[in-house]
Amino acid sequence: MVISHPLSLYINSPRNGNISSSFPVYDGDEILISTNKGRVIRVAVKEIRTAGRNTQGVRIIKLTGEEKVVSADKIDDNLV
C-alpha cells in the first residue's frame, strides 16, 4: 500500500492490516518490496496511481496465505 499523506492520518485497519513502511517518494523513484516468502518486486513510483484521502491506499503486491511484507525501500532516481 502506498500512502501519499502524513502517516498520522492513518491507523492500522482490520481490512488492510498493519502499515509496514512509510517514506516520501518522487515520480523518478522506484520502490523495492520484499516478503517473508522470498518474493521481491520493483515498482516505479510514476506507475502507481494516486489515491484520495478517503481511500485505504493502493495495492502494490497481492499477498498469499500467511505471506507478509518484511521490507519496503525507496530507490532514488539519481542512483539508477
N, C-alpha and C. Protein backbone atom coordinates (compact mmCIF):
# COMPACT_ATOMS: atom_id res chain seq x y z
N MET A 1 0.84 -1.16 0.00
CA MET A 1 0.00 0.00 0.00
C MET A 1 0.89 1.24 0.00
N VAL A 2 0.63 2.14 -0.87
CA VAL A 2 1.37 3.40 -0.92
C VAL A 2 0.45 4.50 -0.45
N ILE A 3 0.91 5.26 0.52
CA ILE A 3 0.12 6.33 1.09
C ILE A 3 0.84 7.64 0.83
N SER A 4 0.13 8.60 0.27
CA SER A 4 0.77 9.87 -0.07
C SER A 4 0.36 11.00 0.87
N HIS A 5 -0.01 10.66 2.08
CA HIS A 5 -0.42 11.63 3.09
C HIS A 5 0.36 11.35 4.37
N PRO A 6 0.35 12.28 5.33
CA PRO A 6 1.06 12.04 6.59
C PRO A 6 0.57 10.76 7.26
N LEU A 7 1.50 9.98 7.78
CA LEU A 7 1.17 8.71 8.41
C LEU A 7 0.23 8.91 9.60
N SER A 8 0.29 10.07 10.25
CA SER A 8 -0.56 10.33 11.40
C SER A 8 -2.05 10.31 11.06
N LEU A 9 -2.39 10.45 9.78
CA LEU A 9 -3.79 10.41 9.36
C LEU A 9 -4.34 8.99 9.28
N TYR A 10 -3.46 8.00 9.35
CA TYR A 10 -3.86 6.61 9.13
C TYR A 10 -3.67 5.77 10.37
N ILE A 11 -4.52 4.76 10.48
CA ILE A 11 -4.39 3.77 11.54
C ILE A 11 -4.37 2.40 10.88
N ASN A 12 -3.86 1.42 11.61
CA ASN A 12 -3.92 0.05 11.09
C ASN A 12 -5.38 -0.36 11.04
N SER A 13 -5.77 -1.01 9.95
CA SER A 13 -7.18 -1.39 9.81
C SER A 13 -7.31 -2.90 9.71
N PRO A 14 -8.43 -3.43 10.19
CA PRO A 14 -8.66 -4.87 10.07
C PRO A 14 -8.67 -5.33 8.62
N ARG A 15 -9.15 -4.46 7.73
CA ARG A 15 -9.24 -4.82 6.31
C ARG A 15 -7.86 -4.94 5.66
N ASN A 16 -6.99 -3.97 5.93
CA ASN A 16 -5.69 -3.93 5.26
C ASN A 16 -4.52 -4.36 6.12
N GLY A 17 -4.71 -4.50 7.41
CA GLY A 17 -3.62 -4.91 8.29
C GLY A 17 -2.74 -3.75 8.70
N ASN A 18 -1.54 -4.07 9.15
CA ASN A 18 -0.62 -3.07 9.66
C ASN A 18 0.08 -2.32 8.54
N ILE A 19 0.41 -1.07 8.80
CA ILE A 19 1.22 -0.29 7.87
C ILE A 19 2.66 -0.74 8.08
N SER A 20 3.30 -1.24 7.05
CA SER A 20 4.64 -1.79 7.20
C SER A 20 5.74 -0.77 6.99
N SER A 21 5.46 0.28 6.22
CA SER A 21 6.50 1.25 5.92
C SER A 21 5.88 2.51 5.36
N SER A 22 6.57 3.63 5.59
CA SER A 22 6.11 4.90 5.05
C SER A 22 7.33 5.78 4.82
N PHE A 23 7.42 6.37 3.63
CA PHE A 23 8.53 7.27 3.32
C PHE A 23 8.15 8.14 2.14
N PRO A 24 8.73 9.33 2.04
CA PRO A 24 8.41 10.21 0.91
C PRO A 24 9.06 9.69 -0.38
N VAL A 25 8.34 9.82 -1.48
CA VAL A 25 8.87 9.39 -2.78
C VAL A 25 8.59 10.47 -3.82
N TYR A 26 9.30 10.38 -4.93
CA TYR A 26 9.14 11.30 -6.06
C TYR A 26 8.90 10.48 -7.32
N ASP A 27 8.35 11.11 -8.35
CA ASP A 27 8.00 10.39 -9.58
C ASP A 27 9.15 9.59 -10.18
N GLY A 28 10.37 10.05 -10.06
CA GLY A 28 11.51 9.35 -10.65
C GLY A 28 12.02 8.19 -9.82
N ASP A 29 11.53 8.03 -8.59
CA ASP A 29 11.99 6.96 -7.70
C ASP A 29 11.33 5.63 -8.03
N GLU A 30 11.87 4.57 -7.45
CA GLU A 30 11.27 3.24 -7.53
C GLU A 30 11.17 2.69 -6.12
N ILE A 31 10.27 1.73 -5.92
CA ILE A 31 10.09 1.09 -4.62
C ILE A 31 10.42 -0.38 -4.77
N LEU A 32 11.16 -0.91 -3.80
CA LEU A 32 11.52 -2.32 -3.76
C LEU A 32 10.82 -2.94 -2.56
N ILE A 33 9.95 -3.92 -2.80
CA ILE A 33 9.19 -4.56 -1.73
C ILE A 33 9.56 -6.04 -1.67
N SER A 34 9.81 -6.56 -0.45
CA SER A 34 10.12 -7.98 -0.31
C SER A 34 9.22 -8.60 0.76
N THR A 35 8.95 -9.91 0.59
CA THR A 35 8.06 -10.62 1.50
C THR A 35 8.83 -11.71 2.25
N ASN A 36 8.20 -12.24 3.29
CA ASN A 36 8.81 -13.32 4.06
C ASN A 36 8.88 -14.63 3.28
N LYS A 37 8.23 -14.70 2.13
CA LYS A 37 8.27 -15.90 1.28
C LYS A 37 9.31 -15.77 0.17
N GLY A 38 10.08 -14.69 0.20
CA GLY A 38 11.17 -14.53 -0.76
C GLY A 38 10.81 -13.81 -2.05
N ARG A 39 9.58 -13.33 -2.16
CA ARG A 39 9.21 -12.57 -3.36
C ARG A 39 9.71 -11.14 -3.24
N VAL A 40 10.20 -10.60 -4.34
CA VAL A 40 10.67 -9.22 -4.38
C VAL A 40 10.11 -8.59 -5.65
N ILE A 41 9.56 -7.37 -5.51
CA ILE A 41 9.11 -6.64 -6.69
C ILE A 41 9.69 -5.24 -6.66
N ARG A 42 9.90 -4.71 -7.84
CA ARG A 42 10.42 -3.35 -8.01
C ARG A 42 9.40 -2.59 -8.85
N VAL A 43 8.92 -1.46 -8.33
CA VAL A 43 7.86 -0.71 -8.98
C VAL A 43 8.27 0.75 -9.11
N ALA A 44 8.07 1.32 -10.29
CA ALA A 44 8.32 2.75 -10.49
C ALA A 44 7.19 3.53 -9.83
N VAL A 45 7.53 4.55 -9.06
CA VAL A 45 6.53 5.37 -8.38
C VAL A 45 5.56 5.99 -9.38
N LYS A 46 6.06 6.39 -10.54
CA LYS A 46 5.18 7.02 -11.53
C LYS A 46 4.13 6.06 -12.08
N GLU A 47 4.30 4.75 -11.87
CA GLU A 47 3.33 3.74 -12.31
C GLU A 47 2.23 3.50 -11.28
N ILE A 48 2.37 4.07 -10.08
CA ILE A 48 1.40 3.87 -9.00
C ILE A 48 0.38 5.00 -9.03
N ARG A 49 -0.89 4.65 -9.09
CA ARG A 49 -1.91 5.70 -9.14
C ARG A 49 -2.02 6.38 -7.78
N THR A 50 -2.42 7.63 -7.80
CA THR A 50 -2.60 8.41 -6.58
C THR A 50 -3.97 8.10 -6.00
N ALA A 51 -4.02 7.89 -4.69
CA ALA A 51 -5.28 7.60 -4.01
C ALA A 51 -5.76 8.83 -3.27
N GLY A 52 -7.04 8.99 -3.19
CA GLY A 52 -7.62 10.11 -2.46
C GLY A 52 -7.49 9.93 -0.95
N ARG A 53 -7.74 10.98 -0.21
CA ARG A 53 -7.59 10.97 1.24
C ARG A 53 -8.53 9.98 1.92
N ASN A 54 -9.71 9.75 1.35
CA ASN A 54 -10.69 8.88 1.99
C ASN A 54 -10.56 7.41 1.57
N THR A 55 -9.53 7.07 0.84
CA THR A 55 -9.33 5.68 0.44
C THR A 55 -8.40 4.98 1.43
N GLN A 56 -8.22 3.69 1.25
CA GLN A 56 -7.33 2.94 2.14
C GLN A 56 -6.03 2.56 1.44
N GLY A 57 -5.61 3.36 0.47
CA GLY A 57 -4.33 3.12 -0.18
C GLY A 57 -4.45 2.41 -1.50
N VAL A 58 -3.30 2.06 -2.06
CA VAL A 58 -3.21 1.39 -3.34
C VAL A 58 -2.45 0.09 -3.14
N ARG A 59 -2.98 -1.02 -3.65
CA ARG A 59 -2.30 -2.30 -3.50
C ARG A 59 -1.12 -2.36 -4.48
N ILE A 60 0.04 -2.64 -3.97
CA ILE A 60 1.24 -2.77 -4.78
C ILE A 60 1.56 -4.24 -5.04
N ILE A 61 1.31 -5.09 -4.06
CA ILE A 61 1.58 -6.52 -4.19
C ILE A 61 0.44 -7.29 -3.55
N LYS A 62 -0.02 -8.34 -4.19
CA LYS A 62 -1.06 -9.19 -3.62
C LYS A 62 -0.39 -10.33 -2.87
N LEU A 63 -0.64 -10.39 -1.58
CA LEU A 63 -0.02 -11.41 -0.74
C LEU A 63 -0.87 -12.67 -0.72
N THR A 64 -0.21 -13.80 -0.51
CA THR A 64 -0.91 -15.08 -0.48
C THR A 64 -0.81 -15.70 0.90
N GLY A 65 -1.88 -16.28 1.39
CA GLY A 65 -1.87 -17.01 2.66
C GLY A 65 -1.26 -16.23 3.81
N GLU A 66 -0.20 -16.78 4.37
CA GLU A 66 0.48 -16.18 5.52
C GLU A 66 1.62 -15.25 5.10
N GLU A 67 1.72 -14.93 3.83
CA GLU A 67 2.80 -14.06 3.33
C GLU A 67 2.65 -12.66 3.91
N LYS A 68 3.78 -12.06 4.27
CA LYS A 68 3.79 -10.71 4.83
C LYS A 68 4.91 -9.89 4.20
N VAL A 69 4.70 -8.60 4.09
CA VAL A 69 5.76 -7.70 3.63
C VAL A 69 6.76 -7.55 4.77
N VAL A 70 8.04 -7.78 4.47
CA VAL A 70 9.07 -7.65 5.51
C VAL A 70 9.94 -6.42 5.31
N SER A 71 9.95 -5.87 4.09
CA SER A 71 10.69 -4.63 3.88
C SER A 71 10.16 -3.90 2.66
N ALA A 72 10.29 -2.58 2.71
CA ALA A 72 9.96 -1.72 1.58
C ALA A 72 10.99 -0.59 1.59
N ASP A 73 11.68 -0.43 0.48
CA ASP A 73 12.74 0.58 0.38
C ASP A 73 12.56 1.40 -0.87
N LYS A 74 13.03 2.63 -0.77
CA LYS A 74 12.98 3.55 -1.92
C LYS A 74 14.34 3.48 -2.64
N ILE A 75 14.26 3.43 -3.97
CA ILE A 75 15.46 3.52 -4.80
C ILE A 75 15.41 4.91 -5.45
N ASP A 76 16.30 5.81 -5.05
CA ASP A 76 16.30 7.18 -5.56
C ASP A 76 16.59 7.19 -7.06
N ASP A 77 15.96 8.11 -7.77
CA ASP A 77 16.16 8.20 -9.21
C ASP A 77 17.59 8.55 -9.59
N ASN A 78 18.35 9.16 -8.70
CA ASN A 78 19.74 9.50 -9.03
C ASN A 78 20.69 8.33 -8.83
N LEU A 79 20.20 7.20 -8.34
CA LEU A 79 21.03 6.01 -8.15
C LEU A 79 20.88 5.01 -9.29
N VAL A 80 19.86 5.19 -10.12
CA VAL A 80 19.57 4.23 -11.18
C VAL A 80 20.45 4.52 -12.38
